Amino acid sequence: MPVKIKRIKIVVRVLLAATVFAAPATASEWGCEVLLCASSSNPSWRGVPACHPPMTRLISAMKKPGFDWPTCPEAGTGSPSFERYAACPEGYRVGSSLDRNGFAREANLCVKTVNMCQGKAHGLYNSDRQQGCIQTISISRPLRPEPYFFDIKNDTSGQTERHWFELHN
């Protein structure tokens, strides 16, 4: 935890220093502000007042045609990635619903196969005299509350850390 608190203090100091200067931020500076704010986890960027201007600007820019993520070349992270769905609950696997032409759409379901007759002396049969005990159950795949992420390399450990964030209005 002390590392996270230290990181948040650094983020806040950098952002406060950046807002003191009257000159408008260049694209690179804005990208670094976005990266610093997005990687803030406790509190999230919404809990850091200095993060509101660059993140509000980002959300606004995303609505315009031809949007490109602002980047921070100094950090070497590039643009963030996006994963809409969270992992399926235990016992389920990822599945897809079908469109009206029978083609799989995005992997938006969690599915599992269950034996409905397990423990019964006699199985149930369908009209083709095939055992109809095995059924597939599907549920909607859970959405991630924070679907965007940056993978940031920790210079001290050499490990890559994933920082999730959200951009809801």
N, C-alpha and C. Protein backbone atom coordinates (compact mmCIF):
# COMPACT_ATOMS: atom_id res chain seq x y z
N MET A 1 0.80 -1.21 0.00
CA MET A 1 0.00 0.00 0.00
C MET A 1 0.84 1.27 0.00
N PRO A 2 1.99 1.32 0.71
CA PRO A 2 2.76 2.55 0.71
C PRO A 2 3.18 2.96 -0.70
N VAL A 3 3.44 1.99 -1.59
CA VAL A 3 3.83 2.30 -2.96
C VAL A 3 2.69 3.01 -3.67
N LYS A 4 1.43 2.54 -3.48
CA LYS A 4 0.28 3.18 -4.12
C LYS A 4 0.09 4.60 -3.61
N ILE A 5 0.22 4.78 -2.31
CA ILE A 5 0.07 6.12 -1.74
C ILE A 5 1.15 7.04 -2.28
N LYS A 6 2.38 6.53 -2.36
CA LYS A 6 3.49 7.33 -2.89
C LYS A 6 3.21 7.70 -4.35
N ARG A 7 2.72 6.73 -5.13
CA ARG A 7 2.42 6.97 -6.54
C ARG A 7 1.33 8.03 -6.68
N ILE A 8 0.31 7.95 -5.84
CA ILE A 8 -0.79 8.93 -5.90
C ILE A 8 -0.28 10.32 -5.56
N LYS A 9 0.58 10.41 -4.56
CA LYS A 9 1.15 11.71 -4.20
C LYS A 9 1.94 12.30 -5.35
N ILE A 10 2.71 11.44 -6.03
CA ILE A 10 3.49 11.91 -7.18
C ILE A 10 2.55 12.38 -8.29
N VAL A 11 1.50 11.60 -8.56
CA VAL A 11 0.53 11.97 -9.59
C VAL A 11 -0.09 13.32 -9.28
N VAL A 12 -0.50 13.50 -8.04
CA VAL A 12 -1.14 14.76 -7.65
C VAL A 12 -0.17 15.92 -7.79
N ARG A 13 1.08 15.74 -7.35
CA ARG A 13 2.08 16.82 -7.47
C ARG A 13 2.33 17.19 -8.93
N VAL A 14 2.50 16.17 -9.77
CA VAL A 14 2.75 16.44 -11.19
C VAL A 14 1.57 17.17 -11.81
N LEU A 15 0.37 16.72 -11.52
CA LEU A 15 -0.82 17.36 -12.10
C LEU A 15 -1.02 18.77 -11.57
N LEU A 16 -0.77 18.97 -10.30
CA LEU A 16 -0.88 20.32 -9.75
C LEU A 16 0.15 21.25 -10.39
N ALA A 17 1.36 20.76 -10.56
CA ALA A 17 2.40 21.57 -11.20
C ALA A 17 2.02 21.88 -12.64
N ALA A 18 1.43 20.90 -13.32
CA ALA A 18 1.04 21.11 -14.72
C ALA A 18 -0.08 22.13 -14.85
N THR A 19 -0.97 22.20 -13.86
CA THR A 19 -2.08 23.14 -13.95
C THR A 19 -1.68 24.56 -13.56
N VAL A 20 -0.54 24.71 -12.89
CA VAL A 20 -0.09 26.04 -12.48
C VAL A 20 0.36 26.86 -13.69
N PHE A 21 0.99 26.18 -14.66
CA PHE A 21 1.50 26.90 -15.82
C PHE A 21 0.35 27.32 -16.73
N ALA A 22 0.43 28.55 -17.23
CA ALA A 22 -0.66 29.10 -18.04
C ALA A 22 -0.66 28.57 -19.47
N ALA A 23 0.49 28.10 -19.97
CA ALA A 23 0.57 27.64 -21.35
C ALA A 23 -0.28 26.38 -21.53
N PRO A 24 -0.99 26.28 -22.67
CA PRO A 24 -1.80 25.09 -22.90
C PRO A 24 -0.91 23.85 -23.02
N ALA A 25 -1.41 22.73 -22.58
CA ALA A 25 -0.64 21.49 -22.61
C ALA A 25 -0.50 20.99 -24.04
N THR A 26 0.69 20.50 -24.39
CA THR A 26 0.87 19.89 -25.70
C THR A 26 0.21 18.52 -25.67
N ALA A 27 0.11 17.91 -26.84
CA ALA A 27 -0.53 16.59 -26.92
C ALA A 27 0.20 15.58 -26.04
N SER A 28 1.54 15.64 -26.03
CA SER A 28 2.32 14.71 -25.22
C SER A 28 2.06 14.93 -23.74
N GLU A 29 2.03 16.19 -23.31
CA GLU A 29 1.76 16.49 -21.89
C GLU A 29 0.36 16.02 -21.51
N TRP A 30 -0.59 16.25 -22.38
CA TRP A 30 -1.96 15.81 -22.13
C TRP A 30 -2.00 14.29 -22.03
N GLY A 31 -1.32 13.61 -22.92
CA GLY A 31 -1.26 12.15 -22.88
C GLY A 31 -0.67 11.65 -21.57
N CYS A 32 0.36 12.33 -21.07
CA CYS A 32 0.97 11.94 -19.79
C CYS A 32 0.02 12.23 -18.64
N GLU A 33 -0.72 13.33 -18.72
CA GLU A 33 -1.73 13.61 -17.69
C GLU A 33 -2.80 12.52 -17.68
N VAL A 34 -3.26 12.13 -18.87
CA VAL A 34 -4.27 11.08 -18.97
C VAL A 34 -3.73 9.78 -18.38
N LEU A 35 -2.50 9.43 -18.72
CA LEU A 35 -1.89 8.21 -18.20
C LEU A 35 -1.78 8.24 -16.68
N LEU A 36 -1.30 9.36 -16.14
CA LEU A 36 -1.18 9.48 -14.68
C LEU A 36 -2.54 9.38 -14.00
N CYS A 37 -3.52 10.05 -14.56
CA CYS A 37 -4.85 10.02 -13.94
C CYS A 37 -5.49 8.64 -14.07
N ALA A 38 -5.39 8.04 -15.24
CA ALA A 38 -5.99 6.73 -15.46
C ALA A 38 -5.37 5.67 -14.56
N SER A 39 -4.09 5.82 -14.25
CA SER A 39 -3.43 4.80 -13.42
C SER A 39 -3.68 5.02 -11.93
N SER A 40 -4.33 6.10 -11.56
CA SER A 40 -4.68 6.33 -10.16
C SER A 40 -5.81 5.39 -9.78
N SER A 41 -5.58 4.58 -8.73
CA SER A 41 -6.59 3.57 -8.41
C SER A 41 -7.26 3.76 -7.06
N ASN A 42 -6.62 4.41 -6.12
CA ASN A 42 -7.24 4.56 -4.80
C ASN A 42 -6.85 5.90 -4.21
N PRO A 43 -7.54 6.96 -4.58
CA PRO A 43 -8.82 7.00 -5.29
C PRO A 43 -8.63 6.92 -6.80
N SER A 44 -9.73 6.65 -7.50
CA SER A 44 -9.68 6.67 -8.96
C SER A 44 -9.51 8.12 -9.40
N TRP A 45 -9.35 8.32 -10.69
CA TRP A 45 -9.13 9.68 -11.20
C TRP A 45 -10.26 10.62 -10.81
N ARG A 46 -11.45 10.09 -10.62
CA ARG A 46 -12.59 10.94 -10.24
C ARG A 46 -12.41 11.55 -8.86
N GLY A 47 -11.61 10.91 -8.01
CA GLY A 47 -11.36 11.41 -6.66
C GLY A 47 -10.17 12.35 -6.58
N VAL A 48 -9.54 12.64 -7.71
CA VAL A 48 -8.39 13.55 -7.76
C VAL A 48 -8.81 14.77 -8.57
N PRO A 49 -9.13 15.90 -7.91
CA PRO A 49 -9.63 17.07 -8.63
C PRO A 49 -8.74 17.52 -9.79
N ALA A 50 -7.43 17.40 -9.66
CA ALA A 50 -6.53 17.82 -10.74
C ALA A 50 -6.68 16.94 -11.98
N CYS A 51 -7.29 15.78 -11.83
CA CYS A 51 -7.49 14.88 -12.98
C CYS A 51 -8.75 15.21 -13.78
N HIS A 52 -9.65 15.97 -13.20
CA HIS A 52 -10.91 16.25 -13.89
C HIS A 52 -10.72 16.95 -15.23
N PRO A 53 -9.91 18.04 -15.33
CA PRO A 53 -9.77 18.70 -16.64
C PRO A 53 -9.21 17.80 -17.74
N PRO A 54 -8.07 17.09 -17.54
CA PRO A 54 -7.58 16.28 -18.66
C PRO A 54 -8.50 15.11 -19.01
N MET A 55 -9.16 14.52 -18.03
CA MET A 55 -10.02 13.37 -18.31
C MET A 55 -11.34 13.82 -18.94
N THR A 56 -11.86 14.97 -18.53
CA THR A 56 -13.07 15.52 -19.16
C THR A 56 -12.77 15.87 -20.61
N ARG A 57 -11.59 16.44 -20.83
CA ARG A 57 -11.17 16.77 -22.20
C ARG A 57 -11.08 15.48 -23.03
N LEU A 58 -10.55 14.41 -22.45
CA LEU A 58 -10.44 13.13 -23.14
C LEU A 58 -11.81 12.59 -23.52
N ILE A 59 -12.73 12.57 -22.58
CA ILE A 59 -14.08 12.05 -22.83
C ILE A 59 -14.75 12.85 -23.93
N SER A 60 -14.55 14.16 -23.92
CA SER A 60 -15.12 15.04 -24.96
C SER A 60 -14.50 14.72 -26.32
N ALA A 61 -13.18 14.56 -26.34
CA ALA A 61 -12.48 14.29 -27.59
C ALA A 61 -12.87 12.94 -28.19
N MET A 62 -13.18 11.98 -27.34
CA MET A 62 -13.54 10.64 -27.82
C MET A 62 -14.84 10.65 -28.63
N LYS A 63 -15.67 11.65 -28.41
CA LYS A 63 -16.96 11.74 -29.11
C LYS A 63 -16.83 12.33 -30.51
N LYS A 64 -15.65 12.88 -30.82
CA LYS A 64 -15.45 13.54 -32.11
C LYS A 64 -14.91 12.56 -33.14
N PRO A 65 -15.28 12.76 -34.42
CA PRO A 65 -14.76 11.88 -35.48
C PRO A 65 -13.24 11.98 -35.58
N GLY A 66 -12.60 10.89 -35.89
CA GLY A 66 -11.15 10.88 -36.07
C GLY A 66 -10.36 10.94 -34.78
N PHE A 67 -10.98 10.58 -33.67
CA PHE A 67 -10.30 10.64 -32.37
C PHE A 67 -9.08 9.73 -32.34
N ASP A 68 -7.98 10.25 -31.82
CA ASP A 68 -6.77 9.47 -31.54
C ASP A 68 -6.43 9.67 -30.08
N TRP A 69 -6.08 8.58 -29.39
CA TRP A 69 -5.71 8.69 -27.98
C TRP A 69 -4.47 9.56 -27.84
N PRO A 70 -4.48 10.46 -26.87
CA PRO A 70 -3.25 11.19 -26.58
C PRO A 70 -2.28 10.20 -25.93
N THR A 71 -1.02 10.25 -26.32
CA THR A 71 -0.06 9.30 -25.76
C THR A 71 1.01 10.01 -24.95
N CYS A 72 1.73 9.23 -24.20
CA CYS A 72 2.82 9.73 -23.38
C CYS A 72 4.08 8.95 -23.77
N PRO A 73 4.79 9.42 -24.80
CA PRO A 73 5.96 8.67 -25.29
C PRO A 73 7.00 8.40 -24.19
N GLU A 74 7.10 9.32 -23.24
CA GLU A 74 8.08 9.15 -22.16
C GLU A 74 7.80 7.89 -21.34
N ALA A 75 6.54 7.49 -21.25
CA ALA A 75 6.17 6.31 -20.46
C ALA A 75 6.24 5.02 -21.28
N GLY A 76 6.21 5.15 -22.60
CA GLY A 76 6.30 3.98 -23.46
C GLY A 76 5.08 3.07 -23.42
N THR A 77 3.91 3.62 -23.09
CA THR A 77 2.72 2.77 -22.98
C THR A 77 1.85 2.77 -24.22
N GLY A 78 1.88 3.81 -25.01
CA GLY A 78 0.98 3.89 -26.17
C GLY A 78 -0.45 4.13 -25.74
N SER A 79 -1.38 3.73 -26.59
CA SER A 79 -2.81 3.89 -26.29
C SER A 79 -3.27 2.76 -25.37
N PRO A 80 -4.35 3.01 -24.62
CA PRO A 80 -4.85 1.94 -23.74
C PRO A 80 -5.58 0.87 -24.55
N SER A 81 -5.84 -0.23 -23.90
CA SER A 81 -6.63 -1.30 -24.49
C SER A 81 -8.01 -1.29 -23.84
N PHE A 82 -8.92 -2.06 -24.41
CA PHE A 82 -10.31 -2.07 -23.95
C PHE A 82 -10.80 -3.51 -23.91
N GLU A 83 -11.37 -3.92 -22.79
CA GLU A 83 -12.01 -5.23 -22.65
C GLU A 83 -13.38 -5.01 -22.01
N ARG A 84 -14.42 -5.12 -22.80
CA ARG A 84 -15.79 -4.85 -22.34
C ARG A 84 -16.24 -5.84 -21.26
N TYR A 85 -15.88 -7.11 -21.43
CA TYR A 85 -16.44 -8.14 -20.56
C TYR A 85 -15.44 -8.64 -19.51
N ALA A 86 -15.98 -8.96 -18.34
CA ALA A 86 -15.20 -9.57 -17.26
C ALA A 86 -15.18 -11.08 -17.47
N ALA A 87 -14.43 -11.77 -16.65
CA ALA A 87 -14.38 -13.23 -16.72
C ALA A 87 -15.74 -13.82 -16.34
N CYS A 88 -16.01 -14.99 -16.86
CA CYS A 88 -17.25 -15.70 -16.51
C CYS A 88 -17.14 -16.25 -15.09
N PRO A 89 -18.29 -16.44 -14.43
CA PRO A 89 -18.26 -17.05 -13.10
C PRO A 89 -17.67 -18.46 -13.17
N GLU A 90 -17.20 -18.94 -12.04
CA GLU A 90 -16.62 -20.28 -11.97
C GLU A 90 -17.63 -21.32 -12.47
N GLY A 91 -17.13 -22.25 -13.27
CA GLY A 91 -17.99 -23.30 -13.82
C GLY A 91 -18.54 -22.96 -15.19
N TYR A 92 -18.43 -21.72 -15.61
CA TYR A 92 -18.90 -21.28 -16.93
C TYR A 92 -17.70 -21.05 -17.84
N ARG A 93 -17.94 -21.10 -19.14
CA ARG A 93 -16.93 -20.74 -20.12
C ARG A 93 -17.52 -19.66 -21.03
N VAL A 94 -16.67 -18.96 -21.74
CA VAL A 94 -17.12 -17.89 -22.63
C VAL A 94 -17.83 -18.49 -23.83
N GLY A 95 -18.96 -17.90 -24.20
CA GLY A 95 -19.73 -18.33 -25.36
C GLY A 95 -20.21 -17.11 -26.13
N SER A 96 -20.79 -17.36 -27.28
CA SER A 96 -21.29 -16.27 -28.13
C SER A 96 -22.74 -16.50 -28.49
N SER A 97 -23.49 -15.42 -28.56
CA SER A 97 -24.84 -15.54 -29.09
C SER A 97 -24.74 -15.51 -30.61
N LEU A 98 -25.77 -15.97 -31.28
CA LEU A 98 -25.77 -16.02 -32.74
C LEU A 98 -26.64 -14.91 -33.30
N ASP A 99 -26.22 -14.36 -34.44
CA ASP A 99 -27.08 -13.37 -35.09
C ASP A 99 -28.15 -14.11 -35.89
N ARG A 100 -29.02 -13.38 -36.57
CA ARG A 100 -30.14 -14.03 -37.26
C ARG A 100 -29.69 -14.90 -38.44
N ASN A 101 -28.44 -14.75 -38.88
CA ASN A 101 -27.92 -15.59 -39.96
C ASN A 101 -27.17 -16.80 -39.43
N GLY A 102 -27.13 -16.96 -38.12
CA GLY A 102 -26.46 -18.11 -37.52
C GLY A 102 -24.98 -17.93 -37.26
N PHE A 103 -24.48 -16.71 -37.45
CA PHE A 103 -23.06 -16.46 -37.20
C PHE A 103 -22.85 -15.97 -35.77
N ALA A 104 -21.73 -16.39 -35.18
CA ALA A 104 -21.42 -15.98 -33.81
C ALA A 104 -21.12 -14.48 -33.78
N ARG A 105 -21.69 -13.83 -32.77
CA ARG A 105 -21.40 -12.41 -32.55
C ARG A 105 -20.28 -12.33 -31.53
N GLU A 106 -20.18 -11.20 -30.85
CA GLU A 106 -19.13 -11.07 -29.85
C GLU A 106 -19.34 -12.07 -28.71
N ALA A 107 -18.27 -12.36 -28.00
CA ALA A 107 -18.30 -13.34 -26.91
C ALA A 107 -18.98 -12.72 -25.69
N ASN A 108 -20.32 -12.65 -25.74
CA ASN A 108 -21.09 -11.91 -24.73
C ASN A 108 -21.86 -12.81 -23.77
N LEU A 109 -21.60 -14.11 -23.81
CA LEU A 109 -22.31 -15.04 -22.93
C LEU A 109 -21.34 -15.86 -22.10
N CYS A 110 -21.84 -16.37 -20.99
CA CYS A 110 -21.15 -17.38 -20.20
C CYS A 110 -22.03 -18.62 -20.27
N VAL A 111 -21.44 -19.75 -20.65
CA VAL A 111 -22.23 -20.97 -20.83
C VAL A 111 -21.64 -22.13 -20.03
N LYS A 112 -22.52 -23.06 -19.66
CA LYS A 112 -22.07 -24.31 -19.05
C LYS A 112 -23.04 -25.40 -19.44
N THR A 113 -22.55 -26.62 -19.45
CA THR A 113 -23.35 -27.78 -19.79
C THR A 113 -23.67 -28.52 -18.49
N VAL A 114 -24.94 -28.84 -18.29
CA VAL A 114 -25.36 -29.54 -17.07
C VAL A 114 -26.18 -30.77 -17.43
N ASN A 115 -26.08 -31.78 -16.57
CA ASN A 115 -26.86 -33.00 -16.71
C ASN A 115 -28.09 -32.83 -15.83
N MET A 116 -29.24 -32.62 -16.43
CA MET A 116 -30.48 -32.38 -15.70
C MET A 116 -31.03 -33.66 -15.06
N CYS A 117 -30.54 -34.82 -15.48
CA CYS A 117 -31.07 -36.09 -14.98
C CYS A 117 -30.13 -36.74 -13.96
N GLN A 118 -29.06 -36.11 -13.64
CA GLN A 118 -28.08 -36.69 -12.74
C GLN A 118 -28.74 -37.11 -11.43
N GLY A 119 -28.49 -38.33 -11.03
CA GLY A 119 -29.05 -38.84 -9.79
C GLY A 119 -30.42 -39.48 -9.95
N LYS A 120 -31.00 -39.43 -11.15
CA LYS A 120 -32.32 -40.05 -11.38
C LYS A 120 -32.10 -41.45 -11.94
N ALA A 121 -33.00 -42.37 -11.62
CA ALA A 121 -32.86 -43.76 -12.07
C ALA A 121 -33.05 -43.88 -13.58
N HIS A 122 -33.96 -43.12 -14.15
CA HIS A 122 -34.23 -43.20 -15.58
C HIS A 122 -34.03 -41.83 -16.20
N GLY A 123 -33.37 -41.80 -17.36
CA GLY A 123 -33.18 -40.54 -18.06
C GLY A 123 -34.43 -40.12 -18.79
N LEU A 124 -34.51 -38.86 -19.14
CA LEU A 124 -35.61 -38.36 -19.95
C LEU A 124 -35.20 -38.44 -21.41
N TYR A 125 -36.15 -38.67 -22.29
CA TYR A 125 -35.82 -38.79 -23.70
C TYR A 125 -36.64 -37.79 -24.50
N ASN A 126 -36.04 -37.30 -25.58
CA ASN A 126 -36.79 -36.40 -26.45
C ASN A 126 -37.47 -37.21 -27.54
N SER A 127 -38.11 -36.56 -28.51
CA SER A 127 -38.91 -37.26 -29.51
C SER A 127 -38.06 -38.16 -30.41
N ASP A 128 -36.77 -37.93 -30.51
CA ASP A 128 -35.91 -38.77 -31.34
C ASP A 128 -35.35 -39.95 -30.55
N ARG A 129 -35.83 -40.16 -29.34
CA ARG A 129 -35.36 -41.22 -28.45
C ARG A 129 -33.90 -41.02 -28.05
N GLN A 130 -33.43 -39.80 -28.16
CA GLN A 130 -32.09 -39.46 -27.69
C GLN A 130 -32.22 -38.97 -26.26
N GLN A 131 -31.23 -39.30 -25.47
CA GLN A 131 -31.29 -38.85 -24.08
C GLN A 131 -31.23 -37.33 -24.07
N GLY A 132 -32.22 -36.68 -23.41
CA GLY A 132 -32.31 -35.22 -23.37
C GLY A 132 -31.93 -34.64 -22.03
N CYS A 133 -31.01 -35.29 -21.34
CA CYS A 133 -30.64 -34.81 -20.00
C CYS A 133 -29.60 -33.69 -20.03
N ILE A 134 -28.80 -33.64 -21.08
CA ILE A 134 -27.72 -32.66 -21.15
C ILE A 134 -28.26 -31.37 -21.74
N GLN A 135 -28.13 -30.30 -20.99
CA GLN A 135 -28.60 -28.99 -21.47
C GLN A 135 -27.50 -27.95 -21.29
N THR A 136 -27.53 -26.98 -22.17
CA THR A 136 -26.59 -25.86 -22.08
C THR A 136 -27.32 -24.68 -21.46
N ILE A 137 -26.73 -24.15 -20.44
CA ILE A 137 -27.30 -22.98 -19.75
C ILE A 137 -26.41 -21.79 -20.07
N SER A 138 -27.02 -20.67 -20.41
CA SER A 138 -26.23 -19.47 -20.69
C SER A 138 -26.75 -18.29 -19.88
N ILE A 139 -25.82 -17.43 -19.51
CA ILE A 139 -26.14 -16.18 -18.83
C ILE A 139 -25.37 -15.07 -19.53
N SER A 140 -25.82 -13.85 -19.38
CA SER A 140 -25.09 -12.72 -19.96
C SER A 140 -23.73 -12.61 -19.29
N ARG A 141 -22.73 -12.35 -20.08
CA ARG A 141 -21.38 -12.19 -19.54
C ARG A 141 -21.31 -10.86 -18.80
N PRO A 142 -20.73 -10.84 -17.59
CA PRO A 142 -20.68 -9.59 -16.83
C PRO A 142 -19.82 -8.53 -17.52
N LEU A 143 -20.28 -7.29 -17.45
CA LEU A 143 -19.51 -6.16 -17.99
C LEU A 143 -18.49 -5.71 -16.96
N ARG A 144 -17.34 -5.28 -17.42
CA ARG A 144 -16.32 -4.74 -16.51
C ARG A 144 -16.73 -3.34 -16.09
N PRO A 145 -16.60 -3.01 -14.81
CA PRO A 145 -16.88 -1.64 -14.39
C PRO A 145 -15.80 -0.68 -14.88
N GLU A 146 -14.59 -1.19 -15.09
CA GLU A 146 -13.48 -0.39 -15.61
C GLU A 146 -12.91 -1.12 -16.83
N PRO A 147 -13.45 -0.86 -18.03
CA PRO A 147 -13.07 -1.65 -19.19
C PRO A 147 -11.78 -1.24 -19.91
N TYR A 148 -11.26 -0.05 -19.62
CA TYR A 148 -10.02 0.40 -20.25
C TYR A 148 -8.84 0.04 -19.37
N PHE A 149 -7.67 -0.20 -20.01
CA PHE A 149 -6.49 -0.46 -19.19
C PHE A 149 -5.21 -0.06 -19.92
N PHE A 150 -4.23 0.30 -19.11
CA PHE A 150 -2.86 0.52 -19.55
C PHE A 150 -2.01 -0.57 -18.92
N ASP A 151 -1.07 -1.13 -19.66
CA ASP A 151 -0.06 -2.01 -19.09
C ASP A 151 1.18 -1.15 -18.90
N ILE A 152 1.59 -1.00 -17.65
CA ILE A 152 2.71 -0.13 -17.31
C ILE A 152 3.81 -0.96 -16.68
N LYS A 153 5.02 -0.83 -17.22
CA LYS A 153 6.16 -1.58 -16.69
C LYS A 153 6.67 -0.89 -15.44
N ASN A 154 6.83 -1.66 -14.38
CA ASN A 154 7.38 -1.16 -13.12
C ASN A 154 8.90 -1.19 -13.26
N ASP A 155 9.53 -0.01 -13.25
CA ASP A 155 10.98 0.07 -13.45
C ASP A 155 11.75 -0.63 -12.34
N THR A 156 11.20 -0.68 -11.15
CA THR A 156 11.88 -1.30 -10.02
C THR A 156 11.88 -2.82 -10.13
N SER A 157 10.71 -3.41 -10.34
CA SER A 157 10.59 -4.87 -10.36
C SER A 157 10.76 -5.47 -11.76
N GLY A 158 10.56 -4.64 -12.79
CA GLY A 158 10.61 -5.15 -14.16
C GLY A 158 9.32 -5.82 -14.59
N GLN A 159 8.35 -5.92 -13.67
CA GLN A 159 7.07 -6.55 -13.96
C GLN A 159 6.12 -5.54 -14.61
N THR A 160 5.23 -6.04 -15.44
CA THR A 160 4.21 -5.19 -16.05
C THR A 160 2.97 -5.25 -15.19
N GLU A 161 2.43 -4.08 -14.87
CA GLU A 161 1.22 -3.98 -14.06
C GLU A 161 0.08 -3.44 -14.91
N ARG A 162 -1.07 -4.04 -14.76
CA ARG A 162 -2.25 -3.60 -15.51
C ARG A 162 -3.05 -2.65 -14.64
N HIS A 163 -3.35 -1.47 -15.18
CA HIS A 163 -4.12 -0.44 -14.47
C HIS A 163 -5.44 -0.23 -15.21
N TRP A 164 -6.54 -0.65 -14.58
CA TRP A 164 -7.87 -0.55 -15.16
C TRP A 164 -8.48 0.80 -14.81
N PHE A 165 -9.29 1.35 -15.71
CA PHE A 165 -9.99 2.61 -15.43
C PHE A 165 -11.26 2.69 -16.27
N GLU A 166 -12.12 3.64 -15.89
CA GLU A 166 -13.39 3.85 -16.60
C GLU A 166 -13.47 5.28 -17.09
N LEU A 167 -14.33 5.49 -18.06
CA LEU A 167 -14.52 6.84 -18.62
C LEU A 167 -16.00 7.17 -18.76
N HIS A 168 -16.84 6.67 -17.87
CA HIS A 168 -18.27 6.98 -17.95
C HIS A 168 -18.48 8.46 -17.72
N ASN A 169 -19.49 9.00 -18.37
CA ASN A 169 -19.84 10.42 -18.17
C ASN A 169 -20.48 10.63 -16.83
